[in-house]
Amino acid sequence: MKTTQFFLFLSLFSFSQKITNEGKITYSTFYNESEATEELKRKSLWQYQFELEKIKMAENFTFELHYKDSVSCFKGLKKLPSDAIDINNYNLILGNFYGHIIFYTDKAKGVSHEIGEINSEYEYVIKYDSSNFVWKYTNETKVISGYTCYKAETEWKFHARGKDHAYKVIAWYCPEIPLPYCPNKYPSLPGLVLELSEAKRTWIVNKIELNTKSDINDVYINELEKVIEKQTKKKLNRF
């Protein structure tokens, strides 16, 4: 499997100084498991080539986590590569990493909201209680971009298409960087999560911008309020 190096670019001042209450963290993505095996190649060349395309596209995705005080928002940036073979495949693979969803987390309230997109418009909201995710702390460590990170695990259990599912979630957090934020819908850990893996997908940090104005109030909260209002109107129209 191809090994990709990630570099962490920090702001103009060190983390030993006071952490600001507002900023932006950028993540890259990749598949931590590949289904592009020789066996698949023998069975279906088309499927094998599609798996290779998935790997290539995933390495070009960018996600941003904006934070302000106890609130954070996590969202993918939609930038279609010039060499993309099929826009439908691009949207499908981006969707595998939740690229069509905004995750809005309020640490103080202990809740996260998933704002989902249907046909290019945000149409639904799913609420997650942070107490549903219990982190199991371990003593296992690894170095990411020169920072010692600690491993924590949890599990996401959900019901879909008539079946119960469970995804193992692994987070590598860095106590040396005291930012209590995590990608996706998951609750915070005692340090910034530099890498998060859920099933076969991984998000890894590549840039931290401190003291950068967040657009949370201007974008994410507005989207959340609009979708909730839309859902409320639909419910009222049923009566």
Protein backbone atom coordinates (compact mmCIF):
# COMPACT_ATOMS: atom_id res chain seq x y z
CA MET A 1 0.00 0.00 0.00
CA LYS A 2 1.21 3.44 -0.84
CA THR A 3 2.59 5.36 2.13
CA THR A 4 1.67 9.02 2.28
CA GLN A 5 3.56 11.50 4.44
CA PHE A 6 1.68 14.28 6.18
CA PHE A 7 3.29 17.44 7.51
CA LEU A 8 1.89 19.62 10.25
CA PHE A 9 2.20 23.34 9.62
CA LEU A 10 1.73 25.45 12.72
CA SER A 11 0.86 29.10 13.12
CA LEU A 12 3.32 31.86 13.87
CA PHE A 13 3.40 31.23 17.61
CA SER A 14 3.96 28.06 19.61
CA PHE A 15 1.47 26.03 21.58
CA SER A 16 3.35 26.88 24.76
CA GLN A 17 1.65 30.24 24.55
CA LYS A 18 -2.02 30.85 25.25
CA ILE A 19 -4.34 28.92 22.94
CA THR A 20 -6.86 31.17 21.26
CA ASN A 21 -10.57 30.43 21.41
CA GLU A 22 -11.03 30.59 17.65
CA GLY A 23 -9.33 28.97 14.68
CA LYS A 24 -9.31 26.41 11.89
CA ILE A 25 -7.82 22.94 11.51
CA THR A 26 -7.41 21.25 8.13
CA TYR A 27 -7.43 17.49 7.57
CA SER A 28 -6.53 15.22 4.66
CA THR A 29 -8.03 11.79 4.08
CA PHE A 30 -7.09 8.33 2.91
CA TYR A 31 -8.36 4.75 2.97
CA ASN A 32 -6.53 2.74 5.62
CA GLU A 33 -7.45 -0.51 3.85
CA SER A 34 -7.41 -1.22 0.14
CA GLU A 35 -9.71 -3.58 -1.69
CA ALA A 36 -7.64 -3.31 -4.88
CA THR A 37 -6.21 -6.80 -4.51
CA GLU A 38 -4.78 -9.11 -7.17
CA GLU A 39 -7.70 -11.44 -6.53
CA LEU A 40 -10.16 -8.65 -7.33
CA LYS A 41 -8.14 -7.78 -10.43
CA ARG A 42 -8.55 -11.33 -11.71
CA LYS A 43 -12.28 -11.37 -10.95
CA SER A 44 -13.22 -7.91 -12.19
CA LEU A 45 -10.79 -5.52 -13.85
CA TRP A 46 -13.43 -2.76 -13.83
CA GLN A 47 -13.98 -3.09 -10.07
CA TYR A 48 -10.22 -3.21 -9.49
CA GLN A 49 -9.71 0.02 -11.45
CA PHE A 50 -12.56 1.66 -9.52
CA GLU A 51 -10.89 0.75 -6.22
CA LEU A 52 -7.65 2.34 -7.44
CA GLU A 53 -9.60 5.45 -8.42
CA LYS A 54 -11.14 5.56 -4.93
CA ILE A 55 -7.71 5.52 -3.31
CA LYS A 56 -6.40 8.27 -5.58
CA MET A 57 -9.41 10.52 -5.10
CA ALA A 58 -9.49 10.08 -1.33
CA GLU A 59 -5.95 11.40 -1.03
CA ASN A 60 -7.08 14.69 -2.62
CA PHE A 61 -9.97 15.42 -0.25
CA THR A 62 -9.72 18.28 2.23
CA PHE A 63 -11.80 18.77 5.37
CA GLU A 64 -11.90 21.76 7.69
CA LEU A 65 -12.73 21.92 11.38
CA HIS A 66 -13.68 25.44 12.46
CA TYR A 67 -13.86 26.09 16.18
CA LYS A 68 -14.94 28.90 18.45
CA ASP A 69 -15.06 28.49 22.23
CA SER A 70 -16.95 25.23 22.92
CA VAL A 71 -18.40 24.91 19.41
CA SER A 72 -16.81 23.23 16.40
CA CYS A 73 -17.92 22.41 12.86
CA PHE A 74 -16.43 19.81 10.55
CA LYS A 75 -17.04 19.86 6.81
CA GLY A 76 -15.50 18.67 3.55
CA LEU A 77 -14.42 21.08 0.83
CA LYS A 78 -15.81 20.17 -2.57
CA LYS A 79 -13.11 20.60 -5.18
CA LEU A 80 -13.50 18.34 -8.19
CA PRO A 81 -10.04 17.30 -9.47
CA SER A 82 -9.34 18.17 -13.10
CA ASP A 83 -8.45 14.55 -13.82
CA ALA A 84 -11.58 13.10 -12.19
CA ILE A 85 -12.95 10.34 -14.40
CA ASP A 86 -16.56 10.59 -13.33
CA ILE A 87 -18.29 13.24 -11.21
CA ASN A 88 -20.71 10.60 -9.92
CA ASN A 89 -17.80 8.51 -8.67
CA TYR A 90 -16.28 11.62 -7.11
CA ASN A 91 -19.47 12.40 -5.20
CA LEU A 92 -19.81 8.77 -4.14
CA ILE A 93 -16.27 8.56 -2.77
CA LEU A 94 -16.52 11.98 -1.13
CA GLY A 95 -19.71 10.72 0.50
CA ASN A 96 -17.79 7.78 1.95
CA PHE A 97 -15.90 10.35 4.03
CA TYR A 98 -19.09 12.31 4.88
CA GLY A 99 -18.16 15.05 2.46
CA HIS A 100 -21.82 15.98 1.96
CA ILE A 101 -22.43 16.50 5.68
CA ILE A 102 -21.73 19.25 8.20
CA PHE A 103 -21.00 18.07 11.75
CA TYR A 104 -21.81 20.75 14.30
CA THR A 105 -20.61 19.94 17.86
CA ASP A 106 -21.34 21.87 21.04
CA LYS A 107 -19.02 20.54 23.73
CA ALA A 108 -20.70 22.56 26.49
CA LYS A 109 -24.09 20.97 25.71
CA GLY A 110 -22.62 17.53 24.99
CA VAL A 111 -24.32 17.17 21.61
CA SER A 112 -23.44 16.95 17.93
CA HIS A 113 -25.70 17.58 14.95
CA GLU A 114 -25.28 15.95 11.55
CA ILE A 115 -26.63 18.26 8.86
CA GLY A 116 -27.12 16.09 5.79
CA GLU A 117 -27.27 17.02 2.13
CA ILE A 118 -29.72 15.59 -0.38
CA ASN A 119 -29.61 16.70 -4.03
CA SER A 120 -27.14 19.50 -3.20
CA GLU A 121 -29.32 20.97 -0.45
CA TYR A 122 -29.12 20.43 3.30
CA GLU A 123 -32.33 18.57 4.09
CA TYR A 124 -32.05 16.73 7.42
CA VAL A 125 -30.56 16.92 10.91
CA ILE A 126 -29.55 14.01 13.14
CA LYS A 127 -28.69 14.66 16.77
CA TYR A 128 -26.00 12.68 18.62
CA ASP A 129 -25.54 12.70 22.38
CA SER A 130 -21.87 12.68 23.36
CA SER A 131 -22.66 10.20 26.15
CA ASN A 132 -23.37 7.59 23.47
CA PHE A 133 -19.65 7.50 22.67
CA VAL A 134 -17.41 6.35 25.52
CA TRP A 135 -13.69 6.65 24.84
CA LYS A 136 -11.47 3.82 26.02
CA TYR A 137 -8.02 5.23 26.78
CA THR A 138 -4.87 3.22 26.15
CA ASN A 139 -1.15 3.66 26.80
CA GLU A 140 -0.34 3.01 23.14
CA THR A 141 1.46 5.87 21.44
CA LYS A 142 2.74 6.82 18.02
CA VAL A 143 4.43 9.87 16.57
CA ILE A 144 2.50 11.91 14.01
CA SER A 145 4.35 14.82 12.38
CA GLY A 146 6.79 14.89 15.28
CA TYR A 147 4.12 14.87 18.00
CA THR A 148 3.54 12.02 20.44
CA CYS A 149 -0.09 10.94 20.25
CA TYR A 150 -2.09 8.59 22.44
CA LYS A 151 -4.61 6.06 21.22
CA ALA A 152 -8.26 6.08 22.29
CA GLU A 153 -11.04 3.85 21.00
CA THR A 154 -14.81 3.93 20.85
CA GLU A 155 -17.58 2.37 18.78
CA TRP A 156 -20.36 3.84 16.70
CA LYS A 157 -23.45 1.67 16.77
CA PHE A 158 -26.35 2.41 14.45
CA HIS A 159 -29.29 0.79 12.67
CA ALA A 160 -29.64 1.07 8.89
CA ARG A 161 -31.45 -0.85 6.16
CA GLY A 162 -33.00 -3.20 8.69
CA LYS A 163 -29.70 -4.20 10.27
CA ASP A 164 -27.60 -3.24 13.27
CA HIS A 165 -24.09 -2.00 12.48
CA ALA A 166 -21.03 -1.11 14.52
CA TYR A 167 -17.92 0.77 13.40
CA LYS A 168 -14.72 0.70 15.39
CA VAL A 169 -13.33 4.20 15.86
CA ILE A 170 -9.69 4.95 16.68
CA ALA A 171 -8.45 8.41 17.61
CA TRP A 172 -4.86 9.56 18.09
CA TYR A 173 -4.87 12.65 20.28
CA CYS A 174 -2.01 14.89 21.34
CA PRO A 175 -2.03 16.29 24.92
CA GLU A 176 0.83 18.56 23.87
CA ILE A 177 -1.65 20.46 21.67
CA PRO A 178 -4.43 21.41 24.14
CA LEU A 179 -7.24 21.91 21.64
CA PRO A 180 -10.31 19.81 22.64
CA TYR A 181 -11.58 19.10 19.13
CA CYS A 182 -12.19 15.99 17.08
CA PRO A 183 -13.29 15.40 13.48
CA ASN A 184 -16.71 14.04 12.66
CA LYS A 185 -19.40 13.73 15.34
CA TYR A 186 -17.23 12.34 18.10
CA PRO A 187 -16.70 13.99 21.50
CA SER A 188 -13.46 15.66 22.46
CA LEU A 189 -10.38 14.11 24.02
CA PRO A 190 -7.69 15.68 26.26
CA GLY A 191 -5.78 17.06 23.28
CA LEU A 192 -6.28 17.71 19.59
CA VAL A 193 -7.08 14.59 17.55
CA LEU A 194 -4.40 14.45 14.87
CA GLU A 195 -5.76 11.28 13.30
CA LEU A 196 -9.17 9.62 13.34
CA SER A 197 -10.06 6.30 11.75
CA GLU A 198 -13.60 4.98 11.36
CA ALA A 199 -13.94 1.65 9.59
CA LYS A 200 -11.74 1.90 6.45
CA ARG A 201 -11.48 5.71 6.30
CA THR A 202 -9.01 8.01 8.01
CA TRP A 203 -8.74 11.77 8.54
CA ILE A 204 -5.31 13.17 9.43
CA VAL A 205 -4.39 16.74 10.32
CA ASN A 206 -2.08 18.69 8.04
CA LYS A 207 -2.57 22.29 9.12
CA ILE A 208 -3.50 24.19 12.28
CA GLU A 209 -4.36 27.86 12.14
CA LEU A 210 -4.69 29.58 15.50
CA ASN A 211 -6.22 33.00 15.98
CA THR A 212 -8.01 32.67 12.63
CA LYS A 213 -11.53 34.05 12.45
CA SER A 214 -14.03 31.23 12.30
CA ASP A 215 -17.09 31.35 10.06
CA ILE A 216 -19.18 29.22 12.42
CA ASN A 217 -21.70 31.93 13.24
CA ASP A 218 -21.96 33.05 9.63
CA VAL A 219 -22.34 29.67 7.96
CA TYR A 220 -22.85 26.59 10.08
CA ILE A 221 -25.33 27.82 12.66
CA ASN A 222 -27.38 29.41 9.88
CA GLU A 223 -27.47 26.10 7.99
CA LEU A 224 -28.48 24.23 11.14
CA GLU A 225 -31.29 26.68 11.90
CA LYS A 226 -32.56 26.61 8.30
CA VAL A 227 -32.71 22.82 8.16
CA ILE A 228 -34.43 22.54 11.55
CA GLU A 229 -36.96 25.14 10.40
CA LYS A 230 -37.53 23.17 7.18
CA GLN A 231 -38.04 19.93 9.13
CA THR A 232 -40.47 21.65 11.50
CA LYS A 233 -42.57 22.96 8.59
CA LYS A 234 -42.73 19.48 7.05
CA LYS A 235 -43.99 18.02 10.33
CA LEU A 236 -46.62 20.74 10.71
CA ASN A 237 -47.84 20.22 7.14
CA ARG A 238 -48.69 16.61 7.97
CA PHE A 239 -51.54 17.71 10.22
